Amino acid sequence: MPYFIAFLNKVDPEKDKELLEIHIDYLNKHIELGNIYAKGPFMDHSGGLIIYKAADYDTAYKLASEDPAVKEKSRELIFKEWKSTLEE
């Protein structure tokens, strides 16, 4: 299954603090559903990275763009398809 990277750069730190709990709840829901391979914050506190697993780009992009932090514009989404070379 293809992987997709969502870079979530903070653009509104105050709003982001307000949304953090629902952002994490959203991610945890998709971990349980098997849609997320990995996730975590950047150590400089500028945002985070999520690796989605999905059948195609559009499906994964929809998951990333429905994240409350993205919808409420506390984080900017940069989205790319990614290939793991560990599985070769």
N, C-alpha and C. Protein backbone atom coordinates (compact mmCIF):
# COMPACT_ATOMS: atom_id res chain seq x y z
N MET A 1 0.85 -1.18 0.00
CA MET A 1 0.00 0.00 0.00
C MET A 1 0.89 1.24 0.00
N PRO A 2 0.56 2.23 -0.81
CA PRO A 2 1.37 3.45 -0.88
C PRO A 2 1.36 4.25 0.43
N TYR A 3 2.43 5.01 0.62
CA TYR A 3 2.56 5.90 1.77
C TYR A 3 2.51 7.35 1.29
N PHE A 4 2.03 8.21 2.18
CA PHE A 4 1.92 9.63 1.87
C PHE A 4 2.34 10.42 3.11
N ILE A 5 3.14 11.45 2.88
CA ILE A 5 3.68 12.26 3.98
C ILE A 5 2.91 13.56 4.09
N ALA A 6 2.49 13.87 5.31
CA ALA A 6 1.86 15.15 5.61
C ALA A 6 2.79 15.90 6.55
N PHE A 7 3.38 16.99 6.05
CA PHE A 7 4.13 17.91 6.89
C PHE A 7 3.12 18.92 7.41
N LEU A 8 3.00 19.06 8.72
CA LEU A 8 2.06 20.00 9.31
C LEU A 8 2.84 21.08 10.04
N ASN A 9 3.08 22.18 9.35
CA ASN A 9 3.84 23.29 9.92
C ASN A 9 2.90 24.24 10.66
N LYS A 10 3.25 24.57 11.90
CA LYS A 10 2.43 25.49 12.69
C LYS A 10 2.48 26.88 12.06
N VAL A 11 1.29 27.46 11.88
CA VAL A 11 1.20 28.83 11.39
C VAL A 11 0.49 29.73 12.39
N ASP A 12 -0.23 29.14 13.33
CA ASP A 12 -0.92 29.90 14.38
C ASP A 12 -0.76 29.13 15.70
N PRO A 13 0.36 29.37 16.40
CA PRO A 13 0.65 28.59 17.62
C PRO A 13 -0.43 28.67 18.70
N GLU A 14 -1.06 29.81 18.87
CA GLU A 14 -2.10 29.93 19.90
C GLU A 14 -3.32 29.08 19.55
N LYS A 15 -3.77 29.19 18.31
CA LYS A 15 -4.90 28.37 17.87
C LYS A 15 -4.53 26.89 17.92
N ASP A 16 -3.28 26.59 17.58
CA ASP A 16 -2.83 25.21 17.58
C ASP A 16 -2.92 24.59 18.98
N LYS A 17 -2.58 25.37 20.01
CA LYS A 17 -2.69 24.88 21.39
C LYS A 17 -4.14 24.51 21.71
N GLU A 18 -5.08 25.34 21.24
CA GLU A 18 -6.50 25.09 21.48
C GLU A 18 -6.97 23.81 20.78
N LEU A 19 -6.39 23.51 19.62
CA LEU A 19 -6.83 22.39 18.80
C LEU A 19 -6.05 21.10 19.05
N LEU A 20 -5.02 21.15 19.88
CA LEU A 20 -4.11 20.01 20.02
C LEU A 20 -4.84 18.72 20.42
N GLU A 21 -5.73 18.80 21.38
CA GLU A 21 -6.41 17.59 21.85
C GLU A 21 -7.27 16.96 20.75
N ILE A 22 -8.03 17.77 20.01
CA ILE A 22 -8.87 17.18 18.95
C ILE A 22 -8.02 16.72 17.76
N HIS A 23 -6.89 17.39 17.54
CA HIS A 23 -5.94 16.95 16.50
C HIS A 23 -5.41 15.55 16.86
N ILE A 24 -4.99 15.37 18.10
CA ILE A 24 -4.46 14.07 18.54
C ILE A 24 -5.56 13.01 18.52
N ASP A 25 -6.77 13.37 18.93
CA ASP A 25 -7.89 12.42 18.87
C ASP A 25 -8.14 11.96 17.43
N TYR A 26 -8.08 12.91 16.50
CA TYR A 26 -8.28 12.59 15.08
C TYR A 26 -7.21 11.60 14.61
N LEU A 27 -5.97 11.87 14.96
CA LEU A 27 -4.88 10.97 14.56
C LEU A 27 -5.03 9.60 15.20
N ASN A 28 -5.37 9.55 16.47
CA ASN A 28 -5.53 8.26 17.16
C ASN A 28 -6.65 7.44 16.53
N LYS A 29 -7.72 8.10 16.11
CA LYS A 29 -8.81 7.39 15.43
C LYS A 29 -8.29 6.72 14.16
N HIS A 30 -7.45 7.44 13.41
CA HIS A 30 -6.95 6.90 12.15
C HIS A 30 -5.83 5.88 12.36
N ILE A 31 -5.16 5.94 13.48
CA ILE A 31 -4.22 4.86 13.83
C ILE A 31 -5.01 3.57 14.05
N GLU A 32 -6.09 3.67 14.81
CA GLU A 32 -6.93 2.50 15.07
C GLU A 32 -7.51 1.91 13.78
N LEU A 33 -7.82 2.77 12.81
CA LEU A 33 -8.38 2.32 11.53
C LEU A 33 -7.31 1.80 10.58
N GLY A 34 -6.04 1.96 10.96
CA GLY A 34 -4.94 1.47 10.12
C GLY A 34 -4.52 2.42 9.02
N ASN A 35 -4.92 3.69 9.12
CA ASN A 35 -4.61 4.68 8.08
C ASN A 35 -3.30 5.42 8.30
N ILE A 36 -2.69 5.25 9.47
CA ILE A 36 -1.46 5.98 9.79
C ILE A 36 -0.35 4.98 10.11
N TYR A 37 0.77 5.16 9.43
CA TYR A 37 1.96 4.31 9.61
C TYR A 37 2.83 4.84 10.75
N ALA A 38 2.99 6.17 10.81
CA ALA A 38 3.82 6.80 11.84
C ALA A 38 3.40 8.26 11.98
N LYS A 39 3.71 8.83 13.14
CA LYS A 39 3.41 10.24 13.38
C LYS A 39 4.32 10.75 14.48
N GLY A 40 4.49 12.07 14.53
CA GLY A 40 5.25 12.64 15.62
C GLY A 40 5.58 14.10 15.38
N PRO A 41 5.91 14.80 16.48
CA PRO A 41 6.24 16.22 16.39
C PRO A 41 7.69 16.43 15.98
N PHE A 42 7.94 17.61 15.42
CA PHE A 42 9.32 18.04 15.18
C PHE A 42 9.87 18.53 16.52
N MET A 43 11.12 18.25 16.78
CA MET A 43 11.71 18.58 18.07
C MET A 43 11.90 20.08 18.27
N ASP A 44 11.83 20.87 17.18
CA ASP A 44 11.92 22.32 17.33
C ASP A 44 10.54 22.96 17.56
N HIS A 45 9.51 22.14 17.75
CA HIS A 45 8.14 22.58 18.04
C HIS A 45 7.50 23.36 16.89
N SER A 46 7.98 23.17 15.67
CA SER A 46 7.44 23.90 14.53
C SER A 46 6.27 23.19 13.86
N GLY A 47 5.94 21.99 14.33
CA GLY A 47 4.85 21.22 13.73
C GLY A 47 5.13 19.74 13.87
N GLY A 48 4.69 18.98 12.88
CA GLY A 48 4.90 17.54 12.94
C GLY A 48 4.76 16.89 11.59
N LEU A 49 4.91 15.57 11.59
CA LEU A 49 4.87 14.78 10.36
C LEU A 49 3.99 13.56 10.60
N ILE A 50 3.19 13.24 9.60
CA ILE A 50 2.35 12.05 9.65
C ILE A 50 2.58 11.27 8.37
N ILE A 51 2.74 9.96 8.49
CA ILE A 51 2.84 9.10 7.32
C ILE A 51 1.54 8.31 7.24
N TYR A 52 0.76 8.61 6.20
CA TYR A 52 -0.51 7.93 5.97
C TYR A 52 -0.31 6.73 5.06
N LYS A 53 -1.14 5.71 5.24
CA LYS A 53 -1.23 4.57 4.34
C LYS A 53 -2.61 4.64 3.69
N ALA A 54 -2.64 4.59 2.37
CA ALA A 54 -3.94 4.65 1.68
C ALA A 54 -3.79 4.05 0.29
N ALA A 55 -4.91 3.74 -0.31
CA ALA A 55 -4.92 3.12 -1.63
C ALA A 55 -4.42 4.07 -2.71
N ASP A 56 -4.66 5.37 -2.52
CA ASP A 56 -4.27 6.34 -3.55
C ASP A 56 -4.10 7.74 -2.94
N TYR A 57 -3.55 8.63 -3.76
CA TYR A 57 -3.26 9.99 -3.34
C TYR A 57 -4.51 10.70 -2.82
N ASP A 58 -5.60 10.64 -3.59
CA ASP A 58 -6.80 11.38 -3.22
C ASP A 58 -7.36 10.94 -1.87
N THR A 59 -7.35 9.65 -1.61
CA THR A 59 -7.84 9.14 -0.33
C THR A 59 -6.98 9.63 0.82
N ALA A 60 -5.68 9.55 0.65
CA ALA A 60 -4.76 10.00 1.70
C ALA A 60 -4.84 11.51 1.90
N TYR A 61 -4.93 12.26 0.80
CA TYR A 61 -5.02 13.72 0.91
C TYR A 61 -6.29 14.12 1.66
N LYS A 62 -7.38 13.42 1.41
CA LYS A 62 -8.62 13.72 2.13
C LYS A 62 -8.44 13.50 3.63
N LEU A 63 -7.78 12.41 4.01
CA LEU A 63 -7.52 12.16 5.43
C LEU A 63 -6.70 13.29 6.05
N ALA A 64 -5.64 13.70 5.36
CA ALA A 64 -4.77 14.75 5.88
C ALA A 64 -5.48 16.10 5.95
N SER A 65 -6.26 16.42 4.93
CA SER A 65 -6.91 17.73 4.88
C SER A 65 -8.09 17.83 5.84
N GLU A 66 -8.61 16.69 6.33
CA GLU A 66 -9.70 16.72 7.30
C GLU A 66 -9.21 16.77 8.75
N ASP A 67 -7.91 16.77 8.95
CA ASP A 67 -7.34 16.95 10.29
C ASP A 67 -7.82 18.31 10.81
N PRO A 68 -8.36 18.36 12.03
CA PRO A 68 -8.85 19.63 12.56
C PRO A 68 -7.82 20.76 12.54
N ALA A 69 -6.55 20.46 12.75
CA ALA A 69 -5.51 21.50 12.73
C ALA A 69 -5.36 22.09 11.34
N VAL A 70 -5.58 21.30 10.32
CA VAL A 70 -5.51 21.78 8.94
C VAL A 70 -6.79 22.54 8.59
N LYS A 71 -7.93 21.96 8.93
CA LYS A 71 -9.21 22.60 8.62
C LYS A 71 -9.34 23.97 9.28
N GLU A 72 -8.85 24.08 10.51
CA GLU A 72 -8.96 25.35 11.25
C GLU A 72 -7.77 26.28 11.00
N LYS A 73 -6.88 25.86 10.12
CA LYS A 73 -5.75 26.67 9.66
C LYS A 73 -4.74 27.04 10.76
N SER A 74 -4.60 26.16 11.76
CA SER A 74 -3.53 26.39 12.73
C SER A 74 -2.23 25.76 12.22
N ARG A 75 -2.36 24.86 11.23
CA ARG A 75 -1.19 24.24 10.61
C ARG A 75 -1.35 24.24 9.09
N GLU A 76 -0.24 24.45 8.43
CA GLU A 76 -0.18 24.40 6.97
C GLU A 76 0.16 22.97 6.55
N LEU A 77 -0.57 22.45 5.58
CA LEU A 77 -0.35 21.09 5.09
C LEU A 77 0.53 21.11 3.85
N ILE A 78 1.63 20.38 3.90
CA ILE A 78 2.45 20.09 2.72
C ILE A 78 2.36 18.58 2.56
N PHE A 79 1.91 18.12 1.40
CA PHE A 79 1.54 16.72 1.21
C PHE A 79 2.26 16.12 0.02
N LYS A 80 2.86 14.95 0.22
CA LYS A 80 3.61 14.29 -0.85
C LYS A 80 3.46 12.78 -0.76
N GLU A 81 3.48 12.13 -1.93
CA GLU A 81 3.56 10.67 -1.94
C GLU A 81 4.99 10.29 -1.59
N TRP A 82 5.16 9.16 -0.90
CA TRP A 82 6.47 8.76 -0.40
C TRP A 82 6.65 7.27 -0.60
N LYS A 83 7.86 6.86 -0.89
CA LYS A 83 8.17 5.44 -1.04
C LYS A 83 9.20 5.04 0.00
N SER A 84 8.87 4.04 0.78
CA SER A 84 9.82 3.49 1.75
C SER A 84 10.76 2.54 1.02
N THR A 85 12.05 2.70 1.23
CA THR A 85 13.02 1.78 0.64
C THR A 85 13.37 0.65 1.59
N LEU A 86 12.79 0.65 2.78
CA LEU A 86 13.03 -0.42 3.74
C LEU A 86 12.35 -1.72 3.34
N GLU A 87 11.33 -1.63 2.51
CA GLU A 87 10.55 -2.80 2.14
C GLU A 87 11.07 -3.49 0.89
N GLU A 88 12.08 -2.95 0.27
CA GLU A 88 12.58 -3.52 -0.99
C GLU A 88 13.41 -4.76 -0.75
